[in-house]
Structure formats: structure tokens, C-alpha cells
PDB file of N, CA and C in Angstrom:
ATOM      1  N   MET A   1       0.995  -1.073   0.024  1.00  0.00           N
ATOM      2  CA  MET A   1       0.218  -0.244   0.034  1.00  0.00           C
ATOM      3  C   MET A   1       0.717   1.577   0.223  1.00  0.00           C
ATOM      4  N   ALA A   2       0.465   1.992  -0.758  1.00  0.00           N
ATOM      5  CA  ALA A   2       1.650   3.325  -1.140  1.00  0.00           C
ATOM      6  C   ALA A   2       0.531   4.367  -0.841  1.00  0.00           C
ATOM      7  N   LYS A   3       1.115   5.430  -0.098  1.00  0.00           N
ATOM      8  CA  LYS A   3       0.351   6.840   0.432  1.00  0.00           C
ATOM      9  C   LYS A   3       0.539   7.752  -0.722  1.00  0.00           C
ATOM     10  N   VAL A   4       0.076   8.525  -1.546  1.00  0.00           N
ATOM     11  CA  VAL A   4       0.025   9.734  -2.254  1.00  0.00           C
ATOM     12  C   VAL A   4       0.133  10.880  -1.692  1.00  0.00           C
ATOM     13  N   LYS A   5       1.193  11.502  -1.311  1.00  0.00           N
ATOM     14  CA  LYS A   5       1.244  12.760  -0.440  1.00  0.00           C
ATOM     15  C   LYS A   5       1.628  13.721  -1.504  1.00  0.00           C
ATOM     16  N   ARG A   6       0.974  15.044  -1.490  1.00  0.00           N
ATOM     17  CA  ARG A   6       1.395  16.330  -2.545  1.00  0.00           C
ATOM     18  C   ARG A   6       1.889  16.013  -4.050  1.00  0.00           C
ATOM     19  N   ASN A   7       0.726  15.259  -4.734  1.00  0.00           N
ATOM     20  CA  ASN A   7       0.456  14.839  -6.074  1.00  0.00           C
ATOM     21  C   ASN A   7      -0.790  15.626  -6.760  1.00  0.00           C
ATOM     22  N   VAL A   8      -0.984  16.510  -7.315  1.00  0.00           N
ATOM     23  CA  VAL A   8      -1.606  17.426  -8.019  1.00  0.00           C
ATOM     24  C   VAL A   8      -2.289  15.908  -8.635  1.00  0.00           C
ATOM     25  N   ILE A   9      -1.923  15.279  -9.459  1.00  0.00           N
ATOM     26  CA  ILE A   9      -2.415  14.485 -10.608  1.00  0.00           C
ATOM     27  C   ILE A   9      -3.450  13.522  -9.861  1.00  0.00           C
ATOM     28  N   MET A  10      -2.759  13.061  -8.625  1.00  0.00           N
ATOM     29  CA  MET A  10      -3.354  11.510  -8.058  1.00  0.00           C
ATOM     30  C   MET A  10      -4.223  12.414  -6.752  1.00  0.00           C
ATOM     31  N   GLN A  11      -4.161  13.629  -6.462  1.00  0.00           N
ATOM     32  CA  GLN A  11      -5.050  13.976  -5.437  1.00  0.00           C
ATOM     33  C   GLN A  11      -6.859  13.919  -5.566  1.00  0.00           C
ATOM     34  N   GLY A  12      -7.075  13.161  -4.484  1.00  0.00           N
ATOM     35  CA  GLY A  12      -8.551  13.110  -4.946  1.00  0.00           C
ATOM     36  C   GLY A  12      -9.027  11.843  -5.643  1.00  0.00           C
ATOM     37  N   MET A  13      -8.325  11.518  -6.217  1.00  0.00           N
ATOM     38  CA  MET A  13      -8.785  10.276  -7.359  1.00  0.00           C
ATOM     39  C   MET A  13      -8.828   9.168  -6.199  1.00  0.00           C
ATOM     40  N   SER A  14     -10.108   8.515  -6.961  1.00  0.00           N
ATOM     41  CA  SER A  14     -10.332   7.275  -6.097  1.00  0.00           C
ATOM     42  C   SER A  14     -10.825   6.431  -7.640  1.00  0.00           C
ATOM     43  N   GLY A  15     -10.495   5.345  -7.358  1.00  0.00           N
ATOM     44  CA  GLY A  15     -11.266   4.150  -8.554  1.00  0.00           C
ATOM     45  C   GLY A  15     -10.169   2.956  -8.993  1.00  0.00           C
ATOM     46  N   LYS A  16     -10.380   2.304  -9.962  1.00  0.00           N
ATOM     47  CA  LYS A  16      -9.257   0.882 -10.407  1.00  0.00           C
ATOM     48  C   LYS A  16      -8.908   1.186 -11.660  1.00  0.00           C
ATOM     49  N   ILE A  17      -7.713   0.836 -11.508  1.00  0.00           N
ATOM     50  CA  ILE A  17      -6.506   0.754 -12.617  1.00  0.00           C
ATOM     51  C   ILE A  17      -6.233  -0.484 -13.256  1.00  0.00           C
ATOM     52  N   CYS A  18      -6.561  -0.822 -14.418  1.00  0.00           N
ATOM     53  CA  CYS A  18      -6.577  -1.887 -15.128  1.00  0.00           C
ATOM     54  C   CYS A  18      -6.654  -3.364 -14.405  1.00  0.00           C
ATOM     55  N   ASP A  19      -7.741  -3.647 -13.614  1.00  0.00           N
ATOM     56  CA  ASP A  19      -7.879  -4.493 -12.581  1.00  0.00           C
ATOM     57  C   ASP A  19      -6.421  -5.232 -12.014  1.00  0.00           C
ATOM     58  N   GLN A  20      -5.837  -4.107 -11.325  1.00  0.00           N
ATOM     59  CA  GLN A  20      -4.792  -4.474 -10.512  1.00  0.00           C
ATOM     60  C   GLN A  20      -4.757  -3.504  -9.507  1.00  0.00           C
ATOM     61  N   LEU A  21      -5.117  -2.579  -9.361  1.00  0.00           N
ATOM     62  CA  LEU A  21      -4.899  -1.391  -8.690  1.00  0.00           C
ATOM     63  C   LEU A  21      -5.918  -0.983  -8.180  1.00  0.00           C
ATOM     64  N   VAL A  22      -6.203  -0.118  -6.893  1.00  0.00           N
ATOM     65  CA  VAL A  22      -7.194   0.479  -6.584  1.00  0.00           C
ATOM     66  C   VAL A  22      -6.769   1.557  -6.243  1.00  0.00           C
ATOM     67  N   LEU A  23      -7.201   2.954  -6.108  1.00  0.00           N
ATOM     68  CA  LEU A  23      -7.141   4.057  -5.634  1.00  0.00           C
ATOM     69  C   LEU A  23      -8.098   4.372  -4.378  1.00  0.00           C
ATOM     70  N   LYS A  24      -7.716   5.204  -3.740  1.00  0.00           N
ATOM     71  CA  LYS A  24      -8.689   5.424  -2.170  1.00  0.00           C
ATOM     72  C   LYS A  24      -8.458   6.399  -1.900  1.00  0.00           C
ATOM     73  N   THR A  25      -9.456   7.107  -1.681  1.00  0.00           N
ATOM     74  CA  THR A  25      -9.018   8.798  -0.841  1.00  0.00           C
ATOM     75  C   THR A  25     -10.057   8.649   0.888  1.00  0.00           C
ATOM     76  N   TYR A  26      -9.028   8.820   1.247  1.00  0.00           N
ATOM     77  CA  TYR A  26      -8.962   8.900   2.908  1.00  0.00           C
ATOM     78  C   TYR A  26      -9.245  10.707   3.232  1.00  0.00           C
ATOM     79  N   ASN A  27      -9.712  10.832   4.196  1.00  0.00           N
ATOM     80  CA  ASN A  27      -9.084  11.732   5.135  1.00  0.00           C
ATOM     81  C   ASN A  27      -7.959  12.421   4.945  1.00  0.00           C
ATOM     82  N   TYR A  28      -6.944  11.956   5.041  1.00  0.00           N
ATOM     83  CA  TYR A  28      -5.282  12.017   4.987  1.00  0.00           C
ATOM     84  C   TYR A  28      -4.910  11.884   4.022  1.00  0.00           C
ATOM     85  N   GLY A  29      -5.435  11.424   2.797  1.00  0.00           N
ATOM     86  CA  GLY A  29      -4.534  11.380   1.742  1.00  0.00           C
ATOM     87  C   GLY A  29      -5.145  10.344   0.783  1.00  0.00           C
ATOM     88  N   THR A  30      -4.914  10.143  -0.692  1.00  0.00           N
ATOM     89  CA  THR A  30      -5.103   8.913  -1.586  1.00  0.00           C
ATOM     90  C   THR A  30      -3.697   7.919  -1.257  1.00  0.00           C
ATOM     91  N   VAL A  31      -4.607   6.475  -0.960  1.00  0.00           N
ATOM     92  CA  VAL A  31      -4.072   5.420  -0.889  1.00  0.00           C
ATOM     93  C   VAL A  31      -3.854   4.451  -2.493  1.00  0.00           C
ATOM     94  N   VAL A  32      -3.020   4.036  -2.695  1.00  0.00           N
ATOM     95  CA  VAL A  32      -2.620   3.034  -3.844  1.00  0.00           C
ATOM     96  C   VAL A  32      -2.681   1.499  -2.869  1.00  0.00           C
ATOM     97  N   SER A  33      -3.468   0.834  -3.753  1.00  0.00           N
ATOM     98  CA  SER A  33      -3.045  -0.391  -3.235  1.00  0.00           C
ATOM     99  C   SER A  33      -3.811  -1.690  -4.148  1.00  0.00           C
ATOM    100  N   LYS A  34      -3.406  -3.196  -4.186  1.00  0.00           N
ATOM    101  CA  LYS A  34      -3.863  -4.147  -5.107  1.00  0.00           C
ATOM    102  C   LYS A  34      -5.369  -4.232  -4.642  1.00  0.00           C
ATOM    103  N   ILE A  35      -6.072  -4.940  -5.775  1.00  0.00           N
ATOM    104  CA  ILE A  35      -7.521  -5.210  -5.574  1.00  0.00           C
ATOM    105  C   ILE A  35      -7.733  -6.381  -4.726  1.00  0.00           C
ATOM    106  N   PRO A  36      -8.373  -6.559  -3.659  1.00  0.00           N
ATOM    107  CA  PRO A  36      -8.806  -7.939  -2.880  1.00  0.00           C
ATOM    108  C   PRO A  36      -9.396  -8.746  -3.660  1.00  0.00           C
ATOM    109  N   ASP A  37      -8.646  -9.829  -3.067  1.00  0.00           N
ATOM    110  CA  ASP A  37      -9.517 -11.080  -3.404  1.00  0.00           C
ATOM    111  C   ASP A  37     -10.676 -11.655  -3.021  1.00  0.00           C
ATOM    112  N   MET A  38     -11.671 -11.144  -3.860  1.00  0.00           N
ATOM    113  CA  MET A  38     -13.104 -11.798  -2.628  1.00  0.00           C
ATOM    114  C   MET A  38     -13.513 -12.766  -3.336  1.00  0.00           C
ATOM    115  N   SER A  39     -12.906 -13.665  -4.468  1.00  0.00           N
ATOM    116  CA  SER A  39     -13.436 -14.998  -4.750  1.00  0.00           C
ATOM    117  C   SER A  39     -13.477 -16.207  -3.617  1.00  0.00           C
ATOM    118  N   LYS A  40     -12.978 -16.151  -2.646  1.00  0.00           N
ATOM    119  CA  LYS A  40     -13.241 -17.087  -1.543  1.00  0.00           C
ATOM    120  C   LYS A  40     -13.872 -16.562  -0.288  1.00  0.00           C
ATOM    121  N   VAL A  41     -14.529 -15.313  -0.590  1.00  0.00           N
ATOM    122  CA  VAL A  41     -15.629 -14.638   0.566  1.00  0.00           C
ATOM    123  C   VAL A  41     -16.963 -15.568   0.066  1.00  0.00           C
ATOM    124  N   VAL A  42     -17.554 -15.830   1.257  1.00  0.00           N
ATOM    125  CA  VAL A  42     -18.773 -16.331   1.387  1.00  0.00           C
ATOM    126  C   VAL A  42     -20.041 -15.489   2.065  1.00  0.00           C
ATOM    127  N   PRO A  43     -20.922 -14.514   1.719  1.00  0.00           N
ATOM    128  CA  PRO A  43     -21.541 -13.915   2.027  1.00  0.00           C
ATOM    129  C   PRO A  43     -22.572 -14.528   2.640  1.00  0.00           C
ATOM    130  N   SER A  44     -23.013 -13.752   4.392  1.00  0.00           N
ATOM    131  CA  SER A  44     -23.857 -14.799   5.082  1.00  0.00           C
ATOM    132  C   SER A  44     -25.115 -14.683   4.514  1.00  0.00           C
ATOM    133  N   SER A  45     -26.189 -15.171   5.379  1.00  0.00           N
ATOM    134  CA  SER A  45     -27.469 -15.296   4.832  1.00  0.00           C
ATOM    135  C   SER A  45     -28.170 -13.628   4.732  1.00  0.00           C
ATOM    136  N   HIS A  46     -27.940 -13.307   5.776  1.00  0.00           N
ATOM    137  CA  HIS A  46     -28.033 -11.819   6.443  1.00  0.00           C
ATOM    138  C   HIS A  46     -27.858 -10.815   4.748  1.00  0.00           C
ATOM    139  N   GLN A  47     -26.365 -10.577   4.275  1.00  0.00           N
ATOM    140  CA  GLN A  47     -25.805 -10.170   3.589  1.00  0.00           C
ATOM    141  C   GLN A  47     -26.817 -10.438   2.472  1.00  0.00           C
ATOM    142  N   LYS A  48     -27.105 -12.063   2.109  1.00  0.00           N
ATOM    143  CA  LYS A  48     -27.783 -11.983   0.735  1.00  0.00           C
ATOM    144  C   LYS A  48     -28.983 -11.758   0.738  1.00  0.00           C
ATOM    145  N   ASP A  49     -29.830 -11.373   2.165  1.00  0.00           N
ATOM    146  CA  ASP A  49     -30.972 -10.988   2.061  1.00  0.00           C
ATOM    147  C   ASP A  49     -31.304  -9.414   1.660  1.00  0.00           C
ATOM    148  N   LYS A  50     -30.146  -9.070   2.176  1.00  0.00           N
ATOM    149  CA  LYS A  50     -30.068  -7.693   2.198  1.00  0.00           C
ATOM    150  C   LYS A  50     -29.741  -6.953   0.409  1.00  0.00           C
ATOM    151  N   ARG A  51     -28.970  -7.878   0.157  1.00  0.00           N
ATOM    152  CA  ARG A  51     -28.542  -7.330  -1.503  1.00  0.00           C
ATOM    153  C   ARG A  51     -29.643  -7.871  -2.637  1.00  0.00           C
ATOM    154  N   ASN A  52     -30.542  -8.993  -1.801  1.00  0.00           N
ATOM    155  CA  ASN A  52     -31.180  -9.094  -2.673  1.00  0.00           C
ATOM    156  C   ASN A  52     -32.832  -8.028  -2.639  1.00  0.00           C
ATOM    157  N   ARG A  53     -32.795  -7.594  -1.336  1.00  0.00           N
ATOM    158  CA  ARG A  53     -33.903  -6.566  -1.149  1.00  0.00           C
ATOM    159  C   ARG A  53     -33.869  -5.154  -1.894  1.00  0.00           C
ATOM    160  N   PHE A  54     -31.996  -5.024  -2.128  1.00  0.00           N
ATOM    161  CA  PHE A  54     -31.748  -4.007  -2.501  1.00  0.00           C
ATOM    162  C   PHE A  54     -31.982  -3.887  -4.079  1.00  0.00           C
ATOM    163  N   LYS A  55     -31.857  -5.440  -4.598  1.00  0.00           N
ATOM    164  CA  LYS A  55     -32.305  -5.447  -5.963  1.00  0.00           C
ATOM    165  C   LYS A  55     -33.470  -5.405  -6.390  1.00  0.00           C
ATOM    166  N   GLU A  56     -34.467  -5.791  -5.543  1.00  0.00           N
ATOM    167  CA  GLU A  56     -35.853  -5.774  -5.451  1.00  0.00           C
ATOM    168  C   GLU A  56     -35.995  -3.676  -5.692  1.00  0.00           C
ATOM    169  N   ALA A  57     -35.376  -3.277  -4.496  1.00  0.00           N
ATOM    170  CA  ALA A  57     -35.538  -1.881  -4.640  1.00  0.00           C
ATOM    171  C   ALA A  57     -35.303  -1.121  -6.064  1.00  0.00           C
ATOM    172  N   VAL A  58     -33.938  -1.382  -6.980  1.00  0.00           N
ATOM    173  CA  VAL A  58     -33.972  -1.129  -8.134  1.00  0.00           C
ATOM    174  C   VAL A  58     -34.783  -1.547  -8.914  1.00  0.00           C
ATOM    175  N   ALA A  59     -35.185  -2.468  -8.886  1.00  0.00           N
ATOM    176  CA  ALA A  59     -36.178  -3.185  -9.926  1.00  0.00           C
ATOM    177  C   ALA A  59     -37.508  -1.953  -9.546  1.00  0.00           C
ATOM    178  N   TYR A  60     -37.555  -1.670  -8.893  1.00  0.00           N
ATOM    179  CA  TYR A  60     -38.951  -0.565  -8.381  1.00  0.00           C
ATOM    180  C   TYR A  60     -38.527   0.523  -9.470  1.00  0.00           C
ATOM    181  N   ALA A  61     -37.579   1.295  -9.123  1.00  0.00           N
ATOM    182  CA  ALA A  61     -37.059   2.375  -8.831  1.00  0.00           C
ATOM    183  C   ALA A  61     -36.869   2.559 -10.576  1.00  0.00           C
ATOM    184  N   LYS A  62     -36.549   1.422 -11.563  1.00  0.00           N
ATOM    185  CA  LYS A  62     -37.069   1.531 -12.529  1.00  0.00           C
ATOM    186  C   LYS A  62     -38.353   1.284 -13.285  1.00  0.00           C
ATOM    187  N   ALA A  63     -39.041   1.125 -12.396  1.00  0.00           N
ATOM    188  CA  ALA A  63     -40.671   0.699 -13.069  1.00  0.00           C
ATOM    189  C   ALA A  63     -41.290   2.180 -12.891  1.00  0.00           C
ATOM    190  N   ILE A  64     -40.436   2.630 -11.887  1.00  0.00           N
ATOM    191  CA  ILE A  64     -41.056   3.731 -11.219  1.00  0.00           C
ATOM    192  C   ILE A  64     -40.710   5.115 -12.663  1.00  0.00           C
ATOM    193  N   ILE A  65     -39.347   5.153 -12.993  1.00  0.00           N
ATOM    194  CA  ILE A  65     -39.354   5.988 -13.477  1.00  0.00           C
ATOM    195  C   ILE A  65     -39.727   5.307 -15.305  1.00  0.00           C
ATOM    196  N   ALA A  66     -39.868   4.273 -15.316  1.00  0.00           N
ATOM    197  CA  ALA A  66     -40.380   3.716 -16.842  1.00  0.00           C
ATOM    198  C   ALA A  66     -41.993   4.205 -17.005  1.00  0.00           C
ATOM    199  N   ASP A  67     -43.015   4.809 -15.824  1.00  0.00           N
ATOM    200  CA  ASP A  67     -43.770   4.981 -16.326  1.00  0.00           C
ATOM    201  C   ASP A  67     -43.901   6.556 -15.612  1.00  0.00           C
ATOM    202  N   VAL A  68     -44.219   7.392 -16.570  1.00  0.00           N
ATOM    203  CA  VAL A  68     -44.432   8.701 -16.238  1.00  0.00           C
ATOM    204  C   VAL A  68     -45.469   9.382 -15.283  1.00  0.00           C
ATOM    205  N   HIS A  69     -46.355   8.938 -15.128  1.00  0.00           N
ATOM    206  CA  HIS A  69     -47.533   9.385 -13.885  1.00  0.00           C
ATOM    207  C   HIS A  69     -47.073   8.953 -12.654  1.00  0.00           C
ATOM    208  N   LYS A  70     -46.487   7.873 -12.246  1.00  0.00           N
ATOM    209  CA  LYS A  70     -45.710   7.191 -11.245  1.00  0.00           C
ATOM    210  C   LYS A  70     -44.274   8.104 -10.902  1.00  0.00           C
ATOM    211  N   LYS A  71     -43.716   8.737 -12.143  1.00  0.00           N
ATOM    212  CA  LYS A  71     -42.460   9.255 -11.823  1.00  0.00           C
ATOM    213  C   LYS A  71     -42.662  10.754 -11.406  1.00  0.00           C
ATOM    214  N   ALA A  72     -43.991  11.270 -11.896  1.00  0.00           N
ATOM    215  CA  ALA A  72     -44.008  12.473 -11.311  1.00  0.00           C
ATOM    216  C   ALA A  72     -44.670  12.357  -9.702  1.00  0.00           C
ATOM    217  N   GLY A  73     -45.647  11.346  -9.795  1.00  0.00           N
ATOM    218  CA  GLY A  73     -45.574  11.338  -8.459  1.00  0.00           C
ATOM    219  C   GLY A  73     -44.619  11.167  -7.139  1.00  0.00           C
ATOM    220  N   VAL A  74     -43.219  10.907  -7.557  1.00  0.00           N
ATOM    221  CA  VAL A  74     -42.639  10.443  -6.872  1.00  0.00           C
ATOM    222  C   VAL A  74     -41.222  11.513  -6.738  1.00  0.00           C
ATOM    223  N   ALA A  75     -41.468  12.042  -7.722  1.00  0.00           N
ATOM    224  CA  ALA A  75     -40.753  13.496  -8.648  1.00  0.00           C
ATOM    225  C   ALA A  75     -41.514  14.686  -7.662  1.00  0.00           C
ATOM    226  N   TYR A  76     -42.657  14.344  -7.261  1.00  0.00           N
ATOM    227  CA  TYR A  76     -43.007  15.652  -6.347  1.00  0.00           C
ATOM    228  C   TYR A  76     -42.876  15.756  -4.697  1.00  0.00           C
ATOM    229  N   ARG A  77     -42.295  14.399  -4.367  1.00  0.00           N
ATOM    230  CA  ARG A  77     -41.936  14.215  -2.718  1.00  0.00           C
ATOM    231  C   ARG A  77     -40.621  14.385  -2.572  1.00  0.00           C
ATOM    232  N   THR A  78     -39.742  14.281  -3.966  1.00  0.00           N
ATOM    233  CA  THR A  78     -38.322  14.202  -4.258  1.00  0.00           C
ATOM    234  C   THR A  78     -37.770  15.688  -3.613  1.00  0.00           C
ATOM    235  N   PRO A  79     -36.543  15.716  -2.813  1.00  0.00           N
ATOM    236  CA  PRO A  79     -36.039  16.805  -2.315  1.00  0.00           C
ATOM    237  C   PRO A  79     -35.174  17.531  -3.392  1.00  0.00           C
ATOM    238  N   LYS A  80     -35.485  18.784  -3.387  1.00  0.00           N
ATOM    239  CA  LYS A  80     -34.803  19.582  -4.687  1.00  0.00           C
ATOM    240  C   LYS A  80     -32.781  19.293  -4.303  1.00  0.00           C
ATOM    241  N   GLY A  81     -32.480  19.077  -5.824  1.00  0.00           N
ATOM    242  CA  GLY A  81     -31.445  18.618  -5.686  1.00  0.00           C
ATOM    243  C   GLY A  81     -31.008  17.094  -5.784  1.00  0.00           C
ATOM    244  N   LYS A  82     -31.959  16.320  -5.473  1.00  0.00           N
ATOM    245  CA  LYS A  82     -31.752  14.652  -5.176  1.00  0.00           C
ATOM    246  C   LYS A  82     -32.413  14.066  -7.039  1.00  0.00           C
ATOM    247  N   LEU A  83     -31.998  13.208  -6.968  1.00  0.00           N
ATOM    248  CA  LEU A  83     -32.693  12.118  -7.897  1.00  0.00           C
ATOM    249  C   LEU A  83     -34.190  11.210  -7.844  1.00  0.00           C
ATOM    250  N   VAL A  84     -34.996  11.469  -8.683  1.00  0.00           N
ATOM    251  CA  VAL A  84     -36.089  10.857  -8.402  1.00  0.00           C
ATOM    252  C   VAL A  84     -35.944   9.338  -7.844  1.00  0.00           C
ATOM    253  N   TYR A  85     -34.795   8.709  -9.376  1.00  0.00           N
ATOM    254  CA  TYR A  85     -34.744   7.269  -8.951  1.00  0.00           C
ATOM    255  C   TYR A  85     -34.116   6.893  -7.589  1.00  0.00           C
ATOM    256  N   HIS A  86     -33.260   7.806  -7.063  1.00  0.00           N
ATOM    257  CA  HIS A  86     -32.640   8.035  -5.624  1.00  0.00           C
ATOM    258  C   HIS A  86     -33.553   7.919  -4.335  1.00  0.00           C
ATOM    259  N   GLN A  87     -34.625   8.800  -4.603  1.00  0.00           N
ATOM    260  CA  GLN A  87     -35.984   8.950  -3.782  1.00  0.00           C
ATOM    261  C   GLN A  87     -36.690   7.716  -3.911  1.00  0.00           C
ATOM    262  N   ALA A  88     -37.091   6.759  -4.915  1.00  0.00           N
ATOM    263  CA  ALA A  88     -37.835   5.612  -5.563  1.00  0.00           C
ATOM    264  C   ALA A  88     -36.793   4.591  -4.397  1.00  0.00           C
ATOM    265  N   ILE A  89     -35.722   4.684  -4.588  1.00  0.00           N
ATOM    266  CA  ILE A  89     -34.957   3.478  -3.810  1.00  0.00           C
ATOM    267  C   ILE A  89     -35.298   3.446  -2.632  1.00  0.00           C
ATOM    268  N   ARG A  90     -35.246   4.954  -2.099  1.00  0.00           N
ATOM    269  CA  ARG A  90     -35.441   5.360  -0.405  1.00  0.00           C
ATOM    270  C   ARG A  90     -36.795   4.560   0.112  1.00  0.00           C
ATOM    271  N   GLU A  91     -37.594   4.941  -0.825  1.00  0.00           N
ATOM    272  CA  GLU A  91     -38.973   5.216  -0.279  1.00  0.00           C
ATOM    273  C   GLU A  91     -39.164   3.564  -0.153  1.00  0.00           C
ATOM    274  N   TYR A  92     -38.946   2.442  -1.326  1.00  0.00           N
ATOM    275  CA  TYR A  92     -38.900   1.130  -1.038  1.00  0.00           C
ATOM    276  C   TYR A  92     -38.130   0.934   0.358  1.00  0.00           C
ATOM    277  N   LEU A  93     -36.795   1.016   0.259  1.00  0.00           N
ATOM    278  CA  LEU A  93     -36.545   0.219   1.139  1.00  0.00           C
ATOM    279  C   LEU A  93     -36.789   0.553   2.791  1.00  0.00           C
ATOM    280  N   THR A  94     -37.553   1.928   2.452  1.00  0.00           N
ATOM    281  CA  THR A  94     -37.980   2.746   4.084  1.00  0.00           C
ATOM    282  C   THR A  94     -39.433   1.639   3.733  1.00  0.00           C
ATOM    283  N   ASN A  95     -40.145   1.790   2.882  1.00  0.00           N
ATOM    284  CA  ASN A  95     -41.461   1.128   3.061  1.00  0.00           C
ATOM    285  C   ASN A  95     -41.857  -0.309   3.058  1.00  0.00           C
ATOM    286  N   TYR A  96     -41.598  -0.863   2.744  1.00  0.00           N
ATOM    287  CA  TYR A  96     -41.266  -2.318   2.209  1.00  0.00           C
ATOM    288  C   TYR A  96     -40.539  -3.684   2.869  1.00  0.00           C
TER     289      TYR A  96
END
């Protein structure tokens, strides 16, 4: 793991480079590390449930966006500066 200090080009960057390196930004600076191998990690049943619930929320939000009338209803409840898509996900996770 390498810490990047006082580098104008790398400052504040985050993401993946060539499926080998990851750039992470923390409050103390940018860190470069190798991509973790998650192939042997087995998710718990609770994680699987949460992932499935979020998958359902995304499907719900996409259905809302596809229907003009439903989108207008959610847009009315969406705070200024926020996306209708994210509001629909929030409402699904809160109410269902």
C-alpha cells in the first residue's frame, strides 16, 4: 500500500486501474493498493437477504422511472437537488 502525498495529478482520485490497482481517498490522503481477492468470501444469509432486497428496490425504481405518471408522483416528494431514482429506492427500502 502506497500513500500519495502532495501529488496534484493523483490528489482526490479514486477508482480502479487495469484490474490491478485501487485508488482510495481517505481524509489523510489518497492510498494505492492492490485489488482485494474476494473470490473465497462467502456472504452470510443476512448479506444475501439485504442484497436481494436492494435488487428489488432497484427494479422498483426502474419501474417508477419508466412510468411517467408514477415518476411525477415520486418527483413531487423528491427533495430539491436529488434524483427521482434515488428517492424511489429510498421509499422502497423504507416502506417495504
